[in-house]
N, C-alpha and C. Protein backbone atom coordinates (compact mmCIF):
# COMPACT_ATOMS: atom_id res chain seq x y z
N UNK A 1 63.43 104.50 23.98
CA UNK A 1 64.29 105.51 24.37
C UNK A 1 65.18 106.37 25.38
N UNK A 2 66.36 106.52 25.10
CA UNK A 2 67.17 107.03 26.08
C UNK A 2 67.25 107.92 26.53
N UNK A 3 66.79 108.52 27.90
CA UNK A 3 67.18 109.93 28.42
C UNK A 3 68.16 109.89 29.21
N UNK A 4 69.01 111.31 28.98
CA UNK A 4 70.14 110.80 29.96
C UNK A 4 69.42 112.76 30.89
N UNK A 5 69.41 111.81 32.51
CA UNK A 5 69.14 113.35 33.28
C UNK A 5 70.47 113.62 33.75
N UNK A 6 72.13 112.94 33.29
CA UNK A 6 72.45 113.68 34.16
C UNK A 6 73.85 114.36 32.56
N UNK A 7 74.57 115.20 32.80
CA UNK A 7 74.97 115.91 31.37
C UNK A 7 76.78 115.04 31.51
N UNK A 8 76.56 113.67 30.65
CA UNK A 8 78.03 113.21 30.47
C UNK A 8 79.59 113.56 30.07
N UNK A 9 79.49 115.42 29.73
CA UNK A 9 80.59 115.84 29.68
C UNK A 9 81.55 115.75 31.05
N UNK A 10 81.38 116.03 32.01
CA UNK A 10 82.52 116.43 33.05
C UNK A 10 83.28 115.27 32.97
N UNK A 11 82.06 113.86 33.38
CA UNK A 11 82.74 112.32 33.44
C UNK A 11 84.00 112.28 31.53
N UNK A 12 83.10 112.50 30.72
CA UNK A 12 84.00 112.26 30.03
C UNK A 12 85.44 113.05 29.37
N UNK A 13 85.11 114.33 29.83
CA UNK A 13 86.51 115.12 29.91
C UNK A 13 87.62 115.00 30.71
N UNK A 14 87.41 113.74 31.85
CA UNK A 14 87.52 113.60 32.81
C UNK A 14 88.88 112.47 32.60
N UNK A 15 87.90 111.81 32.21
CA UNK A 15 88.25 110.62 31.17
C UNK A 15 90.02 110.88 30.06
N UNK A 16 89.42 111.35 29.23
CA UNK A 16 90.00 111.98 28.44
C UNK A 16 91.48 112.49 29.08
N UNK A 17 91.29 113.53 30.16
CA UNK A 17 92.62 114.01 31.12
C UNK A 17 93.39 113.16 31.80
N UNK A 18 92.67 112.15 32.00
CA UNK A 18 93.57 111.00 32.76
C UNK A 18 94.49 110.48 31.55
N UNK A 19 93.99 109.95 30.77
CA UNK A 19 94.89 109.39 29.65
C UNK A 19 95.82 110.15 28.78
N UNK A 20 95.93 111.67 28.67
CA UNK A 20 97.22 112.70 28.94
C UNK A 20 98.12 113.03 30.60
N UNK A 21 97.66 112.45 31.73
CA UNK A 21 98.19 113.12 32.77
C UNK A 21 99.35 112.31 32.50
N UNK A 22 99.65 111.37 32.16
CA UNK A 22 101.02 110.69 32.44
C UNK A 22 101.85 111.75 31.42
N UNK A 23 101.65 111.52 30.44
CA UNK A 23 102.57 112.19 29.56
C UNK A 23 102.55 113.58 29.73
N UNK A 24 101.96 113.89 30.55
CA UNK A 24 101.96 115.47 31.07
C UNK A 24 102.83 115.71 31.74
N UNK A 25 102.62 114.95 32.85
CA UNK A 25 103.70 114.81 34.11
C UNK A 25 105.12 114.64 33.63
N UNK A 26 105.20 113.64 32.73
CA UNK A 26 106.61 113.04 31.90
C UNK A 26 107.20 114.53 31.39
N UNK A 27 106.55 115.00 30.67
CA UNK A 27 106.92 116.13 29.92
C UNK A 27 107.47 117.33 30.62
N UNK A 28 107.01 117.07 32.17
CA UNK A 28 107.75 118.53 32.71
C UNK A 28 108.82 118.05 33.53
N UNK A 29 109.07 116.00 33.35
CA UNK A 29 110.65 116.30 34.48
C UNK A 29 111.34 115.80 33.78
N UNK A 30 111.67 116.78 32.18
CA UNK A 30 112.66 116.54 32.07
C UNK A 30 113.69 117.37 32.71
N UNK A 31 113.22 118.14 33.13
CA UNK A 31 114.45 119.19 34.13
C UNK A 31 113.76 118.33 35.93
N UNK A 32 114.64 118.53 36.80
CA UNK A 32 114.34 118.05 38.18
C UNK A 32 113.59 119.04 39.23
N UNK A 33 112.23 118.65 39.11
CA UNK A 33 110.95 118.55 40.20
C UNK A 33 110.77 118.67 41.35
N UNK A 34 110.15 119.26 42.31
CA UNK A 34 109.52 118.77 43.16
C UNK A 34 108.23 118.48 43.16
N UNK A 35 107.35 118.11 43.77
CA UNK A 35 106.35 117.80 43.90
C UNK A 35 105.62 119.58 43.50
N UNK A 36 105.76 119.96 44.78
CA UNK A 36 104.69 121.41 44.64
C UNK A 36 105.23 122.15 43.04
N UNK A 37 106.28 122.60 42.67
CA UNK A 37 106.93 123.02 41.17
C UNK A 37 106.55 122.40 40.09
N UNK A 38 106.12 121.10 40.14
CA UNK A 38 105.35 120.58 39.02
C UNK A 38 104.04 120.70 39.22
N UNK A 39 103.44 120.52 40.41
CA UNK A 39 101.84 121.10 40.24
C UNK A 39 102.00 122.72 39.46
N UNK A 40 102.63 123.43 39.74
CA UNK A 40 102.57 124.89 39.77
C UNK A 40 102.76 124.49 37.95
N UNK A 41 103.82 124.13 37.66
CA UNK A 41 103.98 124.27 36.52
C UNK A 41 103.21 123.42 35.08
N UNK A 42 102.17 122.62 35.37
CA UNK A 42 101.53 121.53 34.99
C UNK A 42 100.33 122.74 35.15
N UNK A 43 99.80 123.59 36.63
CA UNK A 43 98.66 124.13 35.99
C UNK A 43 98.84 125.47 35.24
N UNK A 44 99.98 126.18 35.36
CA UNK A 44 100.43 127.42 34.82
C UNK A 44 99.73 126.97 33.24
N UNK A 45 100.37 125.84 32.39
CA UNK A 45 100.04 125.06 30.82
C UNK A 45 98.52 125.13 30.49
N UNK A 46 98.15 124.73 32.06
CA UNK A 46 96.76 124.51 31.81
C UNK A 46 96.25 122.69 31.78
N UNK A 47 96.95 122.49 32.75
CA UNK A 47 96.93 120.83 33.06
C UNK A 47 97.15 120.65 34.53
N UNK A 48 95.83 121.50 35.56
CA UNK A 48 96.37 121.40 37.00
C UNK A 48 95.89 120.14 37.35
N UNK A 49 96.25 119.45 38.70
CA UNK A 49 96.33 118.47 39.25
C UNK A 49 96.22 118.36 41.06
N UNK A 50 95.77 117.26 41.18
CA UNK A 50 95.80 117.81 42.57
C UNK A 50 96.41 116.78 43.56
N UNK A 51 96.99 117.08 44.59
CA UNK A 51 98.15 116.25 45.06
C UNK A 51 97.96 115.03 45.23
N UNK A 52 96.61 114.90 45.53
CA UNK A 52 96.02 113.23 46.02
C UNK A 52 96.32 112.47 44.14
N UNK A 53 96.46 113.06 43.56
CA UNK A 53 96.95 112.71 41.92
C UNK A 53 98.25 111.95 41.38
N UNK A 54 98.73 113.67 41.95
CA UNK A 54 100.19 113.78 41.35
C UNK A 54 101.24 112.50 42.71
N UNK A 55 101.30 112.68 43.58
CA UNK A 55 102.18 112.12 44.51
C UNK A 55 101.89 110.69 44.14
N UNK A 56 101.07 109.98 44.53
CA UNK A 56 101.02 108.38 43.86
C UNK A 56 101.02 108.16 42.34
N UNK A 57 100.86 108.85 41.33
CA UNK A 57 101.65 108.79 40.30
C UNK A 57 103.01 109.27 39.90
N UNK A 58 103.84 110.13 40.74
CA UNK A 58 104.96 110.05 40.71
C UNK A 58 105.76 108.82 40.96
N UNK A 59 104.68 108.58 42.50
CA UNK A 59 105.53 106.91 43.11
C UNK A 59 105.77 105.91 42.06
N UNK A 60 104.22 105.89 41.58
CA UNK A 60 104.20 104.54 40.61
C UNK A 60 105.39 105.18 39.64
N UNK A 61 105.38 106.07 38.86
CA UNK A 61 106.48 106.28 37.57
C UNK A 61 107.80 105.73 38.46
N UNK A 62 108.09 105.84 39.69
CA UNK A 62 109.69 105.88 39.96
C UNK A 62 109.50 104.37 40.06
N UNK A 63 108.26 103.59 40.83
CA UNK A 63 108.35 102.05 40.87
C UNK A 63 108.40 101.59 39.55
N UNK A 64 108.05 102.13 38.80
CA UNK A 64 108.21 101.61 37.76
C UNK A 64 109.62 101.24 36.73
N UNK A 65 109.98 102.23 37.28
CA UNK A 65 111.81 102.21 36.82
C UNK A 65 112.27 103.84 35.64
N UNK A 66 110.95 104.85 35.88
CA UNK A 66 111.16 105.92 34.98
C UNK A 66 111.56 107.18 35.16
N UNK A 67 111.50 107.25 36.73
CA UNK A 67 111.94 108.26 37.60
C UNK A 67 113.31 107.84 38.25
N UNK A 68 113.83 108.63 38.45
CA UNK A 68 115.07 109.20 39.79
C UNK A 68 114.25 109.97 40.63
N UNK A 69 114.75 109.94 42.23
CA UNK A 69 114.40 110.81 43.08
C UNK A 69 115.79 110.87 43.98
N UNK A 70 115.47 111.95 44.59
CA UNK A 70 116.72 112.18 45.49
C UNK A 70 116.32 113.62 46.33
N UNK A 71 116.02 113.11 47.65
CA UNK A 71 115.91 114.18 48.86
C UNK A 71 117.01 115.36 48.63
N UNK A 72 116.68 116.61 49.08
CA UNK A 72 117.61 117.69 48.92
C UNK A 72 116.82 118.90 49.78
N UNK A 73 117.80 119.23 50.55
CA UNK A 73 117.66 120.16 51.54
C UNK A 73 118.71 121.44 51.06
N UNK A 74 117.41 122.15 50.44
CA UNK A 74 118.00 123.75 50.11
C UNK A 74 117.20 124.95 51.08
N UNK A 75 117.08 125.95 50.36
CA UNK A 75 115.96 127.18 51.13
C UNK A 75 114.80 126.45 51.44
N UNK A 76 114.24 125.91 53.19
CA UNK A 76 113.40 125.32 53.27
C UNK A 76 113.33 123.94 53.81
N UNK A 77 112.24 123.89 53.46
CA UNK A 77 112.01 122.69 54.24
C UNK A 77 112.99 120.90 53.24
N UNK A 78 113.01 119.99 53.97
CA UNK A 78 113.58 118.86 52.23
C UNK A 78 112.48 118.38 51.35
N UNK A 79 113.12 118.37 50.28
CA UNK A 79 112.07 118.08 49.54
C UNK A 79 112.40 117.10 48.29
N UNK A 80 111.41 116.16 47.76
CA UNK A 80 111.52 115.35 47.13
C UNK A 80 111.90 116.12 45.91
N UNK A 81 113.26 115.67 44.66
CA UNK A 81 113.03 116.08 43.62
C UNK A 81 112.68 114.33 42.47
N UNK A 82 112.62 115.10 41.60
CA UNK A 82 112.21 114.31 40.60
C UNK A 82 112.77 114.56 39.06
N UNK A 83 113.31 113.68 38.22
CA UNK A 83 113.39 113.79 37.11
C UNK A 83 113.69 112.28 36.16
N UNK A 84 113.40 112.68 35.44
CA UNK A 84 113.52 111.14 34.13
C UNK A 84 114.66 110.75 34.35
N UNK A 85 114.58 109.65 34.01
CA UNK A 85 116.15 108.43 33.53
C UNK A 85 116.19 108.44 32.29
N UNK A 86 117.01 107.35 32.17
CA UNK A 86 117.13 106.85 30.61
C UNK A 86 116.20 106.49 30.16
N UNK A 87 115.33 105.99 31.05
CA UNK A 87 114.26 104.80 30.37
C UNK A 87 112.89 105.55 30.34
N UNK A 88 112.72 106.75 31.19
CA UNK A 88 111.76 107.53 31.29
C UNK A 88 111.71 108.26 30.09
N UNK A 89 113.18 109.07 29.45
CA UNK A 89 113.30 109.96 28.22
C UNK A 89 112.77 108.78 27.38
N UNK A 90 113.11 107.44 27.38
CA UNK A 90 112.73 107.14 26.21
C UNK A 90 111.31 106.68 26.12
N UNK A 91 110.80 106.21 27.05
CA UNK A 91 109.43 106.58 27.39
C UNK A 91 108.49 107.46 26.81
N UNK A 92 109.00 108.91 27.26
CA UNK A 92 108.74 110.30 26.90
C UNK A 92 108.74 110.15 25.42
N UNK A 93 109.91 109.97 24.88
CA UNK A 93 109.71 109.96 23.29
C UNK A 93 108.63 109.37 22.72
N UNK A 94 108.73 108.05 23.30
CA UNK A 94 107.55 107.17 22.39
C UNK A 94 106.31 107.36 22.82
N UNK A 95 105.69 107.80 23.45
CA UNK A 95 104.56 108.43 23.85
C UNK A 95 103.84 110.00 23.23
N UNK A 96 105.26 110.50 23.28
CA UNK A 96 105.01 111.68 22.22
C UNK A 96 104.81 111.12 20.96
N UNK A 97 105.52 110.56 20.45
CA UNK A 97 104.92 109.94 19.23
C UNK A 97 103.54 109.64 19.30
N UNK A 98 103.20 108.48 19.90
CA UNK A 98 101.47 107.96 20.04
C UNK A 98 100.84 108.90 19.77
N UNK A 99 100.99 110.21 21.21
CA UNK A 99 100.46 111.21 21.07
C UNK A 99 99.98 111.91 19.83
N UNK A 100 100.91 112.58 19.14
CA UNK A 100 100.99 113.08 18.18
C UNK A 100 100.10 112.24 16.76
N UNK A 101 100.72 110.89 16.60
CA UNK A 101 99.73 110.27 15.95
C UNK A 101 97.97 110.27 15.86
N UNK A 102 98.19 109.87 17.27
CA UNK A 102 96.70 109.97 17.63
C UNK A 102 95.85 110.94 17.15
N UNK A 103 96.34 112.61 17.68
CA UNK A 103 95.90 113.43 17.63
C UNK A 103 95.71 113.55 16.18
N UNK A 104 96.68 113.44 15.11
CA UNK A 104 96.73 113.81 13.75
C UNK A 104 95.47 112.92 13.24
N UNK A 105 94.92 111.41 14.02
CA UNK A 105 93.87 110.67 13.74
C UNK A 105 92.65 111.03 13.74
N UNK A 106 92.81 111.69 15.27
CA UNK A 106 91.81 112.22 15.62
C UNK A 106 91.40 113.88 15.18
N UNK A 107 92.48 114.25 14.73
CA UNK A 107 91.80 115.89 14.19
C UNK A 107 91.30 115.25 12.34
N UNK A 108 91.82 114.11 12.23
CA UNK A 108 90.97 113.52 10.83
C UNK A 108 89.96 113.54 10.99
N UNK A 109 89.39 112.34 12.13
CA UNK A 109 88.42 111.82 12.05
C UNK A 109 87.23 113.06 12.34
N UNK A 110 87.45 113.96 13.19
CA UNK A 110 86.58 115.39 13.85
C UNK A 110 86.37 116.15 12.77
N UNK A 111 87.23 116.33 11.71
CA UNK A 111 86.94 117.20 10.34
C UNK A 111 86.37 116.26 9.85
N UNK A 112 86.06 115.11 9.48
CA UNK A 112 85.14 114.48 8.89
C UNK A 112 85.90 113.72 7.46
N UNK A 113 86.93 113.83 7.75
CA UNK A 113 87.70 113.69 6.78
C UNK A 113 88.10 112.10 6.90
N UNK A 114 88.78 111.47 6.03
CA UNK A 114 88.94 109.81 5.97
C UNK A 114 90.02 109.62 5.61
N UNK A 115 90.62 108.38 6.52
CA UNK A 115 92.61 108.96 6.41
C UNK A 115 93.05 107.19 5.65
């Protein structure tokens, strides 16, 4: 008999969230944003993200050729702004279609139906 000593829910929720994080970030970069504004936009929409997670993700997406970035000095300190480039727009569309298909499949499974 297996005995659960720790609640597995937080760890499993974190895994689900990690899987959706790239899509969430890409969805908010259709318009130019800097890190803090991106964090705020995600948090307001129910997807808070830590700086230590966001900035490495932005660098990785840029290194993969999905984002364009530029330094700007406006009112305040210099900020690095990110936005989707053409490859990022294309990937966002593909991931959105994949997400929607998966969500439909999962809805059917969770409702107990067959596909």
